[in-house]
Protein backbone atom coordinates (compact mmCIF):
# COMPACT_ATOMS: atom_id res chain seq x y z
CA MET A 1 -20.32 24.83 5.23
CA ILE A 2 -18.39 22.29 7.34
CA THR A 3 -14.95 22.43 8.93
CA ALA A 4 -13.55 18.99 9.73
CA ILE A 5 -11.45 19.13 12.90
CA VAL A 6 -9.04 16.26 13.52
CA PRO A 7 -7.29 16.30 16.93
CA ALA A 8 -4.11 14.26 16.71
CA TRP A 9 -1.32 13.16 19.01
CA ASN A 10 1.46 10.95 17.64
CA GLU A 11 -0.67 9.56 14.81
CA SER A 12 1.77 9.90 11.89
CA ALA A 13 1.27 6.24 10.95
CA ARG A 14 -2.52 6.48 10.61
CA ILE A 15 -3.50 10.07 9.93
CA GLY A 16 -2.73 9.99 6.21
CA ALA A 17 -5.38 7.35 5.57
CA VAL A 18 -7.94 9.31 7.58
CA LEU A 19 -7.17 12.52 5.71
CA SER A 20 -7.51 10.78 2.35
CA ALA A 21 -11.23 10.52 3.11
CA LEU A 22 -11.49 14.17 4.17
CA VAL A 23 -9.24 16.31 2.00
CA GLY A 24 -11.07 17.41 -1.14
CA HIS A 25 -14.43 16.07 0.02
CA PRO A 26 -17.19 18.19 -1.59
CA MET A 27 -19.11 18.54 1.68
CA LEU A 28 -16.14 19.98 3.57
CA SER A 29 -14.95 23.58 3.32
CA ARG A 30 -11.83 23.02 5.39
CA VAL A 31 -9.86 20.18 6.95
CA LEU A 32 -7.99 21.28 10.07
CA VAL A 33 -5.65 18.95 11.94
CA VAL A 34 -4.82 20.09 15.46
CA ASP A 35 -1.44 18.57 16.29
CA ASP A 36 -1.48 18.22 20.06
CA GLY A 37 2.26 18.45 20.74
CA SER A 38 3.17 15.34 18.74
CA THR A 39 6.78 14.17 18.60
CA ASP A 40 6.51 11.69 15.71
CA GLY A 41 5.98 13.88 12.66
CA THR A 42 2.18 13.95 12.76
CA ALA A 43 2.06 17.58 11.60
CA ARG A 44 4.31 16.84 8.62
CA ALA A 45 2.23 13.80 7.65
CA ALA A 46 -0.95 15.89 7.84
CA ARG A 47 0.50 18.63 5.65
CA LEU A 48 1.71 16.08 3.10
CA ALA A 49 -1.85 14.74 2.97
CA GLY A 50 -3.14 18.21 2.11
CA ALA A 51 -4.65 19.28 5.43
CA GLU A 52 -4.23 22.57 7.20
CA VAL A 53 -2.35 22.13 10.48
CA LEU A 54 -2.67 24.00 13.75
CA ALA A 55 0.34 22.89 15.81
CA LEU A 56 0.11 23.21 19.59
CA PRO A 57 3.48 23.54 21.37
CA VAL A 58 2.72 21.06 24.17
CA ASN A 59 0.38 18.12 24.62
CA GLY A 60 -2.76 19.38 26.36
CA GLY A 61 -5.15 16.50 25.72
CA LYS A 62 -8.02 15.93 23.33
CA THR A 63 -10.30 18.56 24.86
CA ALA A 64 -7.65 21.28 24.51
CA ALA A 65 -6.96 20.28 20.91
CA LEU A 66 -10.64 20.37 20.01
CA ALA A 67 -11.08 23.70 21.78
CA ALA A 68 -8.26 25.18 19.70
CA GLY A 69 -9.71 23.79 16.49
CA ILE A 70 -13.23 25.00 17.20
CA ALA A 71 -11.94 28.47 18.11
CA ALA A 72 -10.10 28.59 14.77
CA SER A 73 -13.16 27.54 12.76
CA ARG A 74 -15.68 29.89 11.16
CA THR A 75 -18.10 27.65 9.29
CA PRO A 76 -21.66 27.11 10.58
CA PHE A 77 -21.11 23.35 11.00
CA LEU A 78 -18.30 21.30 12.52
CA MET A 79 -17.26 17.73 11.87
CA LEU A 80 -15.12 16.07 14.55
CA ILE A 81 -13.04 13.10 13.42
CA ASP A 82 -10.54 10.98 15.35
CA ALA A 83 -7.10 10.69 13.76
CA ASP A 84 -6.62 6.94 14.18
CA LEU A 85 -9.60 5.51 12.31
CA LEU A 86 -9.22 2.46 10.09
CA GLY A 87 -11.38 1.87 7.02
CA LEU A 88 -12.69 5.44 6.73
CA GLY A 89 -13.81 6.49 3.25
CA PRO A 90 -15.47 9.51 1.61
CA GLU A 91 -18.83 7.72 1.76
CA HIS A 92 -18.68 7.64 5.57
CA ILE A 93 -18.06 11.38 5.64
CA ALA A 94 -21.07 11.97 3.39
CA ARG A 95 -23.35 9.80 5.52
CA LEU A 96 -22.31 11.64 8.68
CA ALA A 97 -22.70 15.11 7.14
CA LEU A 98 -25.81 14.82 4.99
CA PRO A 99 -28.50 14.63 7.72
CA VAL A 100 -27.21 17.88 9.24
CA LEU A 101 -26.69 19.67 5.93
CA THR A 102 -30.23 18.82 4.81
CA GLY A 103 -31.72 19.85 8.15
CA ARG A 104 -33.06 16.39 8.93
CA SER A 105 -31.06 16.25 12.15
CA ALA A 106 -29.21 18.81 14.21
CA VAL A 107 -26.43 16.43 15.29
CA THR A 108 -25.06 13.12 14.05
CA LEU A 109 -22.89 10.54 15.84
CA SER A 110 -21.05 7.60 14.31
CA LEU A 111 -21.41 4.02 15.48
CA ARG A 112 -18.22 2.29 14.36
CA GLY A 113 -18.07 -1.38 13.48
CA ASN A 114 -15.75 -2.22 16.37
CA ALA A 115 -17.61 -0.22 18.99
CA PRO A 116 -18.20 -2.30 22.16
CA ARG A 117 -21.01 -4.82 21.88
CA PRO A 118 -23.24 -3.04 24.44
CA TRP A 119 -23.11 0.13 22.30
CA HIS A 120 -24.33 -1.85 19.28
CA TRP A 121 -27.15 -3.34 21.34
CA LEU A 122 -28.14 0.13 22.53
CA GLY A 123 -27.67 1.56 19.04
CA VAL A 124 -25.35 4.37 20.15
CA ASP A 125 -21.75 5.01 21.11
CA TYR A 126 -22.37 8.03 23.29
CA ILE A 127 -18.68 8.93 23.47
CA SER A 128 -18.09 8.61 19.73
CA GLY A 129 -15.38 10.96 18.51
CA GLU A 130 -17.03 11.31 15.09
CA ARG A 131 -19.80 13.87 15.00
CA VAL A 132 -21.34 16.68 12.98
CA LEU A 133 -22.95 19.58 14.83
CA PRO A 134 -23.79 23.26 14.43
CA ARG A 135 -21.04 25.52 15.66
CA SER A 136 -23.73 27.63 17.36
CA LEU A 137 -24.32 24.77 19.82
CA ILE A 138 -20.88 25.10 21.37
CA GLU A 139 -19.94 28.70 20.56
CA PRO A 140 -21.52 30.17 23.74
CA VAL A 141 -19.37 27.93 25.96
CA LEU A 142 -16.04 28.03 24.11
CA ASP A 143 -14.43 29.79 27.05
CA ARG A 144 -15.29 26.80 29.29
CA LEU A 145 -13.53 24.20 27.16
CA PRO A 146 -9.95 24.91 28.32
CA GLY A 147 -11.03 24.19 31.91
CA LEU A 148 -12.43 20.73 31.14
CA PRO A 149 -10.52 17.49 31.83
CA ARG A 150 -8.35 16.17 28.99
CA PHE A 151 -10.93 13.61 27.88
CA GLY A 152 -14.14 15.28 29.00
CA PHE A 153 -15.16 16.87 25.71
CA GLU A 154 -17.61 14.29 24.34
CA VAL A 155 -19.69 13.98 27.50
CA PHE A 156 -19.64 17.77 27.93
CA LEU A 157 -20.95 18.11 24.39
CA ASN A 158 -23.59 15.47 25.11
CA ALA A 159 -24.81 17.59 28.02
CA LEU A 160 -25.15 20.57 25.69
CA ILE A 161 -27.13 18.45 23.23
CA LEU A 162 -29.48 17.29 25.99
CA ASP A 163 -29.89 20.80 27.38
CA ALA A 164 -30.84 22.01 23.89
CA GLY A 165 -33.49 19.29 23.62
CA LEU A 166 -31.87 17.73 20.54
CA GLN A 167 -31.88 14.09 19.47
CA PRO A 168 -28.70 12.96 17.68
CA GLU A 169 -29.06 10.75 14.65
CA ILE A 170 -26.87 7.65 14.87
CA ILE A 171 -24.99 6.78 11.68
CA ALA A 172 -23.77 3.19 11.41
CA TRP A 173 -20.20 2.82 10.12
CA PRO A 174 -19.83 -0.98 10.00
CA GLY A 175 -16.55 -0.91 8.07
CA VAL A 176 -14.80 1.66 10.26
CA ALA A 177 -12.75 0.81 13.34
CA SER A 178 -10.85 2.67 16.03
CA PRO A 179 -7.80 0.79 17.35
CA PRO A 180 -8.04 0.12 21.11
CA LYS A 181 -5.48 1.87 23.28
CA VAL A 182 -3.98 -1.44 24.39
CA ARG A 183 -3.05 -2.14 20.77
CA LYS A 184 -1.59 1.32 20.20
CA GLN A 185 0.20 1.78 23.51
CA GLY A 186 0.64 -1.71 24.97
CA ILE A 187 -1.46 -3.51 27.56
CA TRP A 188 -0.66 -1.63 30.77
CA PRO A 189 -0.22 1.86 29.26
CA GLY A 190 -3.43 1.31 27.28
CA LEU A 191 -5.40 0.20 30.33
CA ARG A 192 -4.11 3.19 32.29
CA ALA A 193 -5.12 5.50 29.45
CA ASP A 194 -8.63 3.99 29.40
CA ALA A 195 -8.87 4.45 33.18
CA ARG A 196 -7.81 8.10 32.88
CA MET A 197 -10.40 8.65 30.17
CA LEU A 198 -13.16 7.18 32.36
CA ARG A 199 -11.99 9.31 35.29
CA ASP A 200 -12.08 12.45 33.15
CA MET A 201 -15.57 11.62 31.90
CA MET A 202 -16.88 11.25 35.45
CA ARG A 203 -15.11 14.44 36.53
CA THR A 204 -16.95 16.24 33.73
CA VAL A 205 -20.37 14.61 34.15
CA PRO A 206 -21.38 12.52 37.22
CA PRO A 207 -22.11 8.82 36.63
CA LEU A 208 -25.88 9.31 36.78
CA GLY A 209 -25.54 12.03 34.17
CA LEU A 210 -23.61 9.66 31.91
CA MET A 211 -26.37 7.07 32.27
CA ARG A 212 -28.92 9.72 31.37
CA GLN A 213 -26.97 10.51 28.20
CA ILE A 214 -26.95 6.86 27.16
CA ALA A 215 -30.68 6.49 27.81
CA ALA A 216 -31.53 9.69 25.95
CA PHE A 217 -29.42 8.91 22.88
CA SER A 218 -30.15 5.18 22.55
CA PRO A 219 -32.67 4.39 19.79
CA ARG A 220 -33.44 1.09 21.53
CA LEU A 221 -34.35 2.84 24.78
CA ASN A 222 -36.08 5.96 23.46
CA GLY A 223 -37.60 4.74 20.19
CA ALA A 224 -35.81 7.32 18.02
CA ALA A 225 -35.15 6.43 14.40
CA ARG A 226 -31.59 5.38 13.65
CA ASP A 227 -29.80 6.06 10.38
CA ALA A 228 -32.95 6.38 8.28
CA PRO A 229 -32.36 5.46 4.62
CA THR A 230 -33.74 8.61 3.01
CA TYR A 231 -33.00 12.28 3.53
CA GLY A 232 -35.62 14.99 3.75
CA ALA A 233 -35.31 18.65 2.90
CA SER A 234 -36.72 20.01 6.16
CA THR A 235 -34.65 22.72 7.84
CA ALA A 236 -36.12 22.10 11.28
CA LEU A 237 -33.87 20.78 14.03
CA HIS A 238 -34.58 17.25 15.22
CA HIS A 239 -35.70 17.68 18.83
CA ARG A 240 -36.26 14.98 21.37
CA PRO A 241 -39.96 14.23 22.00
């Protein structure tokens, strides 16, 4: 039912722990790592962990890696997972997948424990890299993905969610963290990488559009339920009011 797609670039040190939560999970039909031109043995580490690997010859950025993975998928649902997560376990995968599999929600987004404080106050990390969604949401625009900026995928997907009138369900992951770029790459390279990511986001969606995404997805601002404790059996999509 679900293909887990893990875009990865030079994550050999961390990807094994991430894949230990994914490979063999009963809710996942396939675990596909898209190696985005890594030079550190990421593909080998992913294969040793039991994942299928799609190796891209050159580094094209996260959007290109996700586009390749989505194009190679065939299941009705997709799970997108960053390759550098710390503290990820099978229970987090289940919590992210179950609302979509039961039909309670059309889309889920994670809210990691170390997400910036404003995101916790708002109740949403609108650029979270961990999501579950129907493949049908993005299938009609697959041909547009290669033309997006390297780090424009999440906000592009948010625009699709808004256009479809859907309300994502936010799933709290208090024990899961994503290492900041300054820790992985050093202070100045990390800050430059963050600046490039912000630039790519604003090239994909104008600043007012980004603010609209935050307002629409935030449970605090729109009154939507967040991470409800029980799961219904309804097959209806969860639309915004």
